[in-house]
N, C-alpha and C. Protein backbone atom coordinates (compact mmCIF):
# COMPACT_ATOMS: atom_id res chain seq x y z
N UNK A 1 107.86 122.48 111.53
CA UNK A 1 106.85 121.84 112.28
C UNK A 1 106.49 120.51 111.60
N UNK A 2 106.48 119.40 112.33
CA UNK A 2 106.20 118.13 111.79
C UNK A 2 104.69 117.89 111.79
N UNK A 3 104.15 117.52 110.61
CA UNK A 3 102.71 117.33 110.59
C UNK A 3 102.33 115.81 110.61
N UNK A 4 103.39 114.98 110.78
CA UNK A 4 103.02 113.52 110.96
C UNK A 4 102.60 113.31 112.45
N UNK A 5 101.74 112.40 112.66
CA UNK A 5 101.39 112.15 114.08
C UNK A 5 100.96 110.66 114.22
N UNK A 6 101.14 110.13 115.43
CA UNK A 6 100.75 108.81 115.69
C UNK A 6 99.30 108.84 116.13
N UNK A 7 98.47 108.03 115.52
CA UNK A 7 97.00 108.04 115.85
C UNK A 7 96.65 106.95 116.82
N UNK A 8 97.00 105.76 116.57
CA UNK A 8 96.64 104.68 117.54
C UNK A 8 97.60 103.47 117.28
N UNK A 9 97.74 102.62 118.26
CA UNK A 9 98.65 101.47 118.18
C UNK A 9 97.99 100.22 117.54
N UNK A 10 98.76 99.48 116.80
CA UNK A 10 98.37 98.24 116.23
C UNK A 10 99.60 97.30 116.27
N UNK A 11 99.45 95.98 116.11
CA UNK A 11 100.68 95.15 116.15
C UNK A 11 100.52 94.03 115.15
N UNK A 12 101.48 94.02 114.11
CA UNK A 12 101.44 92.99 113.07
C UNK A 12 102.85 92.67 112.60
N UNK A 13 103.64 93.67 112.23
CA UNK A 13 104.88 93.49 111.51
C UNK A 13 105.96 92.94 112.43
N UNK A 14 105.96 93.21 113.73
CA UNK A 14 107.03 92.87 114.61
C UNK A 14 107.35 91.40 114.61
N UNK A 15 106.40 90.52 114.59
CA UNK A 15 106.62 89.04 114.65
C UNK A 15 107.26 88.62 113.36
N UNK A 16 106.82 89.13 112.14
CA UNK A 16 107.39 88.72 110.90
C UNK A 16 108.80 89.17 110.78
N UNK A 17 109.09 90.44 111.14
CA UNK A 17 110.46 90.93 111.02
C UNK A 17 111.33 90.25 112.07
N UNK A 18 110.77 89.92 113.28
CA UNK A 18 111.53 89.19 114.28
C UNK A 18 111.96 87.81 113.77
N UNK A 19 111.08 87.11 113.08
CA UNK A 19 111.41 85.84 112.49
C UNK A 19 112.48 86.03 111.43
N UNK A 20 112.43 87.08 110.61
CA UNK A 20 113.44 87.33 109.58
C UNK A 20 114.77 87.63 110.29
N UNK A 21 114.74 88.39 111.36
CA UNK A 21 115.99 88.77 112.05
C UNK A 21 116.59 87.53 112.64
N UNK A 22 115.79 86.63 113.23
CA UNK A 22 116.30 85.37 113.87
C UNK A 22 116.91 84.52 112.78
N UNK A 23 116.29 84.28 111.71
CA UNK A 23 116.82 83.42 110.61
C UNK A 23 118.02 84.11 109.91
N UNK A 24 117.94 85.42 109.68
CA UNK A 24 118.96 86.11 108.93
C UNK A 24 120.25 86.27 109.70
N UNK A 25 120.12 86.40 111.05
CA UNK A 25 121.29 86.48 111.87
C UNK A 25 122.18 85.27 111.89
N UNK A 26 121.52 84.12 111.67
CA UNK A 26 122.29 82.81 111.72
C UNK A 26 122.79 82.38 110.42
N UNK A 27 122.17 82.75 109.29
CA UNK A 27 122.52 82.17 108.06
C UNK A 27 122.63 83.35 107.04
N UNK A 28 123.80 83.56 106.44
CA UNK A 28 123.89 84.56 105.34
C UNK A 28 123.09 84.06 104.17
N UNK A 29 122.49 84.97 103.45
CA UNK A 29 121.67 84.50 102.30
C UNK A 29 122.12 85.33 101.03
N UNK A 30 121.92 84.69 99.89
CA UNK A 30 122.32 85.37 98.69
C UNK A 30 121.23 86.15 97.97
N UNK A 31 121.60 87.29 97.50
CA UNK A 31 120.73 88.13 96.73
C UNK A 31 121.49 88.43 95.42
N UNK A 32 120.92 88.03 94.33
CA UNK A 32 121.63 88.23 93.07
C UNK A 32 122.94 87.51 93.07
N UNK A 33 124.02 88.33 92.84
CA UNK A 33 125.32 87.76 92.78
C UNK A 33 126.21 88.06 94.07
N UNK A 34 125.57 88.66 95.04
CA UNK A 34 126.30 89.00 96.24
C UNK A 34 125.71 88.39 97.46
N UNK A 35 126.47 88.42 98.54
CA UNK A 35 125.94 87.93 99.80
C UNK A 35 125.78 89.06 100.75
N UNK A 36 124.64 89.05 101.43
CA UNK A 36 124.33 90.06 102.48
C UNK A 36 124.61 89.36 103.78
N UNK A 37 125.61 89.84 104.52
CA UNK A 37 126.03 89.16 105.75
C UNK A 37 125.42 89.77 106.99
N UNK A 38 124.87 90.98 106.93
CA UNK A 38 124.26 91.55 108.13
C UNK A 38 123.23 92.53 107.74
N UNK A 39 122.31 92.87 108.67
CA UNK A 39 121.32 93.85 108.37
C UNK A 39 120.83 94.55 109.69
N UNK A 40 120.12 95.65 109.47
CA UNK A 40 119.52 96.33 110.58
C UNK A 40 118.03 96.58 110.18
N UNK A 41 117.14 96.60 111.11
CA UNK A 41 115.74 96.87 110.77
C UNK A 41 115.01 97.59 111.85
N UNK A 42 113.89 98.17 111.49
CA UNK A 42 112.97 98.83 112.43
C UNK A 42 111.60 98.63 111.91
N UNK A 43 110.60 98.57 112.81
CA UNK A 43 109.21 98.38 112.43
C UNK A 43 108.38 99.44 113.14
N UNK A 44 107.24 99.69 112.60
CA UNK A 44 106.18 100.59 113.22
C UNK A 44 104.87 100.03 113.03
N UNK A 45 104.04 100.04 114.07
CA UNK A 45 102.69 99.45 113.95
C UNK A 45 101.60 100.50 114.28
N UNK A 46 101.98 101.72 114.59
CA UNK A 46 100.93 102.72 114.90
C UNK A 46 100.50 103.34 113.59
N UNK A 47 99.25 103.77 113.55
CA UNK A 47 98.64 104.43 112.38
C UNK A 47 99.25 105.86 112.40
N UNK A 48 99.94 106.27 111.37
CA UNK A 48 100.47 107.64 111.26
C UNK A 48 99.88 108.38 110.07
N UNK A 49 99.89 109.70 110.13
CA UNK A 49 99.18 110.50 109.12
C UNK A 49 100.08 111.66 108.75
N UNK A 50 100.03 112.09 107.49
CA UNK A 50 100.66 113.37 107.11
C UNK A 50 99.74 114.12 106.18
N UNK A 51 99.84 115.42 106.27
CA UNK A 51 99.16 116.36 105.35
C UNK A 51 100.26 117.29 104.76
N UNK A 52 101.52 117.04 105.08
CA UNK A 52 102.60 117.90 104.64
C UNK A 52 102.83 117.81 103.10
N UNK A 53 102.99 118.96 102.49
CA UNK A 53 103.34 118.98 101.03
C UNK A 53 104.82 118.93 100.79
N UNK A 54 105.62 119.03 101.90
CA UNK A 54 107.06 118.89 101.77
C UNK A 54 107.51 117.61 102.50
N UNK A 55 108.63 117.02 102.04
CA UNK A 55 109.08 115.75 102.58
C UNK A 55 109.49 115.92 104.07
N UNK A 56 108.99 114.94 104.85
CA UNK A 56 109.35 114.92 106.32
C UNK A 56 109.48 113.45 106.68
N UNK A 57 110.19 113.20 107.83
CA UNK A 57 110.47 111.82 108.26
C UNK A 57 109.16 111.06 108.55
N UNK A 58 109.19 109.79 108.21
CA UNK A 58 108.09 108.92 108.53
C UNK A 58 108.35 108.41 109.99
N UNK A 59 107.41 108.54 110.83
CA UNK A 59 107.62 108.11 112.26
C UNK A 59 108.11 106.70 112.34
N UNK A 60 109.17 106.53 113.23
CA UNK A 60 109.73 105.21 113.46
C UNK A 60 110.46 104.51 112.35
N UNK A 61 110.73 105.31 111.26
CA UNK A 61 111.38 104.68 110.08
C UNK A 61 112.83 105.20 109.88
N UNK A 62 113.61 105.16 110.93
CA UNK A 62 115.01 105.52 110.87
C UNK A 62 115.84 104.43 111.56
N UNK A 63 116.91 103.98 110.95
CA UNK A 63 117.72 102.92 111.50
C UNK A 63 119.21 103.34 111.37
N UNK A 64 120.01 103.00 112.41
CA UNK A 64 121.44 103.14 112.34
C UNK A 64 122.05 101.86 111.69
N UNK A 65 122.95 102.08 110.81
CA UNK A 65 123.56 100.93 110.10
C UNK A 65 125.05 101.07 109.97
N UNK A 66 125.79 100.01 110.32
CA UNK A 66 127.25 100.00 110.17
C UNK A 66 127.60 99.23 108.93
N UNK A 67 128.14 99.88 107.96
CA UNK A 67 128.58 99.15 106.74
C UNK A 67 130.00 98.70 106.96
N UNK A 68 130.24 97.47 107.02
CA UNK A 68 131.56 96.93 107.43
C UNK A 68 132.63 96.98 106.40
N UNK A 69 132.16 97.01 105.10
CA UNK A 69 133.15 97.21 104.05
C UNK A 69 132.47 97.89 102.90
N UNK A 70 133.27 98.55 102.04
CA UNK A 70 132.65 99.26 100.89
C UNK A 70 131.98 98.25 99.96
N UNK A 71 130.75 98.56 99.58
CA UNK A 71 130.00 97.69 98.75
C UNK A 71 128.53 98.04 98.70
N UNK A 72 127.77 97.14 98.04
CA UNK A 72 126.38 97.47 97.85
C UNK A 72 125.57 97.34 99.16
N UNK A 73 124.55 98.17 99.29
CA UNK A 73 123.64 98.16 100.43
C UNK A 73 122.21 98.23 99.84
N UNK A 74 121.35 97.43 100.36
CA UNK A 74 119.96 97.38 99.95
C UNK A 74 119.08 98.01 101.10
N UNK A 75 118.18 98.90 100.69
CA UNK A 75 117.24 99.52 101.53
C UNK A 75 115.83 99.13 101.13
N UNK A 76 115.17 98.40 101.98
CA UNK A 76 113.84 97.90 101.69
C UNK A 76 112.78 98.51 102.61
N UNK A 77 111.77 99.06 102.05
CA UNK A 77 110.72 99.75 102.80
C UNK A 77 109.34 99.17 102.38
N UNK A 78 108.55 98.79 103.33
CA UNK A 78 107.23 98.25 103.07
C UNK A 78 106.26 98.95 104.06
N UNK A 79 105.05 99.18 103.58
CA UNK A 79 104.01 99.77 104.46
C UNK A 79 102.60 99.49 103.87
N UNK A 80 101.67 99.33 104.79
CA UNK A 80 100.25 99.32 104.44
C UNK A 80 99.76 100.78 104.51
N UNK A 81 99.25 101.36 103.44
CA UNK A 81 98.99 102.75 103.36
C UNK A 81 97.78 103.08 102.48
N UNK A 82 97.26 104.29 102.66
CA UNK A 82 96.27 104.80 101.74
C UNK A 82 96.36 106.34 101.75
N UNK A 83 95.83 106.95 100.69
CA UNK A 83 95.85 108.43 100.57
C UNK A 83 94.53 109.01 100.69
N UNK A 84 93.55 108.29 101.21
CA UNK A 84 92.23 108.88 101.41
C UNK A 84 91.47 109.20 100.15
N UNK A 85 91.92 108.70 99.03
CA UNK A 85 91.28 108.87 97.73
C UNK A 85 91.45 110.29 97.17
N UNK A 86 92.16 111.14 97.84
CA UNK A 86 92.45 112.46 97.32
C UNK A 86 93.94 112.62 97.12
N UNK A 87 94.33 113.06 95.91
CA UNK A 87 95.70 113.32 95.71
C UNK A 87 96.58 112.01 95.74
N UNK A 88 97.83 112.11 96.17
CA UNK A 88 98.72 110.99 96.27
C UNK A 88 99.76 111.23 97.27
N UNK A 89 100.65 110.27 97.43
CA UNK A 89 101.74 110.33 98.46
C UNK A 89 103.00 109.87 97.81
N UNK A 90 104.15 110.49 98.25
CA UNK A 90 105.45 110.02 97.70
C UNK A 90 106.34 109.71 98.92
N UNK A 91 107.29 108.77 98.67
CA UNK A 91 108.25 108.37 99.64
C UNK A 91 109.66 108.46 99.06
N UNK A 92 110.67 108.65 99.91
CA UNK A 92 112.05 108.61 99.52
C UNK A 92 112.86 107.95 100.62
N UNK A 93 113.99 107.31 100.21
CA UNK A 93 114.93 106.80 101.14
C UNK A 93 116.01 107.76 101.26
N UNK A 94 116.65 107.97 102.44
CA UNK A 94 117.78 108.85 102.61
C UNK A 94 118.83 108.15 103.41
N UNK A 95 120.10 108.44 103.00
CA UNK A 95 121.29 108.02 103.75
C UNK A 95 121.96 109.26 104.29
N UNK A 96 122.02 109.35 105.64
CA UNK A 96 122.53 110.53 106.31
C UNK A 96 121.93 111.83 105.79
N UNK A 97 120.61 111.77 105.54
CA UNK A 97 119.83 112.90 105.11
C UNK A 97 119.92 113.24 103.65
N UNK A 98 120.61 112.48 102.82
CA UNK A 98 120.73 112.68 101.42
C UNK A 98 119.85 111.65 100.67
N UNK A 99 119.06 112.18 99.74
CA UNK A 99 118.20 111.31 98.98
C UNK A 99 118.91 110.20 98.24
N UNK A 100 118.41 109.03 98.24
CA UNK A 100 118.90 107.94 97.45
C UNK A 100 118.11 107.89 96.12
N UNK A 101 118.75 107.99 94.99
CA UNK A 101 117.99 107.98 93.72
C UNK A 101 117.27 106.61 93.49
N UNK A 102 116.09 106.70 93.03
CA UNK A 102 115.31 105.54 92.65
C UNK A 102 115.05 105.52 91.18
N UNK A 103 114.92 106.65 90.60
CA UNK A 103 114.60 106.87 89.20
C UNK A 103 114.24 108.30 88.94
N UNK A 104 113.76 108.65 87.80
CA UNK A 104 113.40 110.04 87.51
C UNK A 104 112.28 110.43 88.42
N UNK A 105 112.22 111.76 88.67
CA UNK A 105 111.15 112.27 89.52
C UNK A 105 111.58 112.64 90.88
N UNK A 106 110.61 113.05 91.65
CA UNK A 106 110.90 113.55 93.05
C UNK A 106 110.30 112.57 94.01
N UNK A 107 110.79 111.38 94.18
CA UNK A 107 110.21 110.40 95.10
C UNK A 107 109.34 109.38 94.30
N UNK A 108 108.88 108.37 95.06
CA UNK A 108 108.09 107.27 94.43
C UNK A 108 106.67 107.49 94.83
N UNK A 109 105.79 107.49 93.86
CA UNK A 109 104.34 107.51 94.24
C UNK A 109 104.01 106.23 94.96
N UNK A 110 103.49 106.36 96.10
CA UNK A 110 103.33 105.14 97.01
C UNK A 110 101.94 104.63 96.98
N UNK A 111 100.89 105.50 96.95
CA UNK A 111 99.53 105.08 97.02
C UNK A 111 98.60 106.18 96.56
N UNK A 112 97.54 105.81 95.86
CA UNK A 112 96.57 106.80 95.48
C UNK A 112 95.13 106.24 95.52
N UNK A 113 94.84 105.60 96.61
CA UNK A 113 93.52 104.98 96.70
C UNK A 113 92.96 105.16 98.11
N UNK A 114 91.69 104.89 98.24
CA UNK A 114 91.11 104.87 99.55
C UNK A 114 91.27 103.57 100.31
N UNK A 115 91.67 102.55 99.56
CA UNK A 115 91.86 101.25 100.18
C UNK A 115 93.26 101.17 100.72
N UNK A 116 93.40 100.57 101.94
CA UNK A 116 94.72 100.39 102.47
C UNK A 116 95.35 99.25 101.89
N UNK A 117 96.50 99.54 101.17
CA UNK A 117 97.20 98.46 100.35
C UNK A 117 98.65 98.42 100.83
N UNK A 118 99.20 97.18 100.86
CA UNK A 118 100.62 97.08 101.16
C UNK A 118 101.48 97.39 99.91
N UNK A 119 102.53 98.08 100.14
CA UNK A 119 103.52 98.42 99.05
C UNK A 119 104.89 98.24 99.60
N UNK A 120 105.81 97.77 98.74
CA UNK A 120 107.20 97.63 99.04
C UNK A 120 108.07 98.12 97.93
N UNK A 121 109.17 98.69 98.36
CA UNK A 121 110.12 99.20 97.42
C UNK A 121 111.56 98.90 97.91
N UNK A 122 112.51 98.73 96.98
CA UNK A 122 113.92 98.51 97.32
C UNK A 122 114.80 99.50 96.59
N UNK A 123 115.62 100.16 97.39
CA UNK A 123 116.63 101.06 96.79
C UNK A 123 117.96 100.35 96.90
N UNK A 124 118.89 100.58 95.97
CA UNK A 124 120.21 99.96 95.98
C UNK A 124 121.22 101.10 95.92
N UNK A 125 122.08 101.08 96.92
CA UNK A 125 123.22 102.01 96.96
C UNK A 125 124.41 101.12 96.56
N UNK A 126 124.92 101.25 95.33
CA UNK A 126 125.89 100.26 94.80
C UNK A 126 127.23 100.29 95.42
N UNK A 127 127.77 101.43 95.91
CA UNK A 127 129.06 101.46 96.45
C UNK A 127 129.09 102.41 97.70
N UNK A 128 128.50 101.93 98.81
CA UNK A 128 128.51 102.72 99.99
C UNK A 128 129.79 102.48 100.74
N UNK A 129 130.49 103.50 101.14
CA UNK A 129 131.76 103.39 101.84
C UNK A 129 131.60 102.75 103.17
N UNK A 130 132.64 102.18 103.68
CA UNK A 130 132.63 101.62 105.02
C UNK A 130 132.32 102.74 106.07
N UNK A 131 131.54 102.42 107.10
CA UNK A 131 131.29 103.42 108.12
C UNK A 131 129.89 103.30 108.69
N UNK A 132 129.57 104.26 109.57
CA UNK A 132 128.29 104.29 110.26
C UNK A 132 127.38 105.26 109.51
N UNK A 133 126.09 104.86 109.35
CA UNK A 133 125.11 105.63 108.60
C UNK A 133 123.80 105.64 109.30
N UNK A 134 123.03 106.70 109.07
CA UNK A 134 121.57 106.73 109.47
C UNK A 134 120.76 106.62 108.24
N UNK A 135 119.94 105.61 108.11
CA UNK A 135 119.03 105.38 106.96
C UNK A 135 117.63 105.72 107.39
N UNK A 136 117.00 106.52 106.63
CA UNK A 136 115.60 106.90 107.02
C UNK A 136 114.70 107.06 105.78
N UNK A 137 113.38 107.04 106.08
CA UNK A 137 112.39 107.22 105.06
C UNK A 137 111.66 108.54 105.34
N UNK A 138 111.35 109.24 104.24
CA UNK A 138 110.63 110.49 104.26
C UNK A 138 109.39 110.42 103.35
N UNK A 139 108.35 111.14 103.62
CA UNK A 139 107.16 111.12 102.80
C UNK A 139 106.54 112.53 102.70
N UNK A 140 105.64 112.68 101.71
CA UNK A 140 104.90 113.89 101.55
C UNK A 140 103.59 113.57 100.89
N UNK A 141 102.61 114.42 101.12
CA UNK A 141 101.24 114.30 100.56
C UNK A 141 101.17 115.42 99.50
N UNK A 142 100.57 115.15 98.38
CA UNK A 142 100.26 116.25 97.47
C UNK A 142 98.88 116.00 96.89
N UNK A 143 98.21 117.13 96.50
CA UNK A 143 96.89 117.01 95.99
C UNK A 143 95.81 117.17 97.05
N UNK A 144 96.16 117.57 98.26
CA UNK A 144 95.21 117.77 99.28
C UNK A 144 94.94 116.51 100.18
N UNK A 145 94.21 116.74 101.25
CA UNK A 145 93.83 115.66 102.13
C UNK A 145 95.02 115.09 102.97
N UNK A 146 94.81 113.88 103.46
CA UNK A 146 95.74 113.21 104.32
C UNK A 146 96.15 111.90 103.72
N UNK A 147 97.40 111.45 104.04
CA UNK A 147 97.87 110.08 103.75
C UNK A 147 98.14 109.41 105.05
N UNK A 148 97.91 108.07 105.05
CA UNK A 148 98.06 107.28 106.28
C UNK A 148 99.01 106.06 106.04
N UNK A 149 99.65 105.61 107.06
CA UNK A 149 100.41 104.34 106.98
C UNK A 149 100.09 103.58 108.26
N UNK A 150 99.93 102.26 108.12
CA UNK A 150 99.81 101.38 109.27
C UNK A 150 101.05 100.66 109.45
N UNK A 151 101.03 99.35 109.48
CA UNK A 151 102.27 98.51 109.71
C UNK A 151 103.27 98.85 108.66
N UNK A 152 104.51 99.09 109.06
CA UNK A 152 105.58 99.40 108.14
C UNK A 152 106.91 98.92 108.67
N UNK A 153 107.84 98.65 107.74
CA UNK A 153 109.15 98.18 108.10
C UNK A 153 110.24 98.77 107.23
N UNK A 154 111.43 98.90 107.75
CA UNK A 154 112.63 99.36 107.02
C UNK A 154 113.69 98.35 107.35
N UNK A 155 114.20 97.76 106.31
CA UNK A 155 115.35 96.80 106.48
C UNK A 155 116.47 97.20 105.66
N UNK A 156 117.66 97.31 106.22
CA UNK A 156 118.85 97.75 105.52
C UNK A 156 119.83 96.59 105.51
N UNK A 157 120.38 96.15 104.39
CA UNK A 157 121.20 94.99 104.29
C UNK A 157 122.55 95.34 103.60
N UNK A 158 123.68 94.79 104.13
CA UNK A 158 124.92 95.02 103.53
C UNK A 158 125.91 93.91 103.87
N UNK A 159 127.12 94.11 103.38
CA UNK A 159 128.16 93.06 103.72
C UNK A 159 128.77 93.25 105.07
C-alpha cells in the first residue's frame, strides 16, 4: 500500500525546467571533462506527503531515459521539502528499480526541519550501458510524523 498522496496543486518548477529543456536541447553543454548531449526530465508541483518507514516511489518522479552509448549518466533531484520537525526523511535514486549508490548508509538524509527548504543532490552512474532505462526517486520517513515535498524535479543527463 502506498502511503504517499497528492494534497494540492501548485505551479513553480515547470517554467524553469522548460527553459532548461529549451536551451539544453539546442546546445550541448560541458560538465567536468565530458559532454552531456541529451537529457530527460520530469517535474511535480503538487504537495505530496509520506509517513512510510519503508522506501516508496515519490509521486511524479520517474522518467524514461535512453542512454545512446555506454558512459556516464547524471541523475539530479531537487525538491522543496520539510519533515514536520519530527524525525527525518531519506531519498534514493534508482535505475530500473536498483538503488544507485551515493555513499555509505541507506539513502540520503534530505530534511529534518519544520521549514520548507530546497535541497538538490546529484548521483553519478559512471558506466551505464547503452539502452532504455527507468530512473526514479524513492523516499521514506523515519522517526514518526509526516514528510512533505512541494515543487520537485528529476533531470537525467547522458551522452
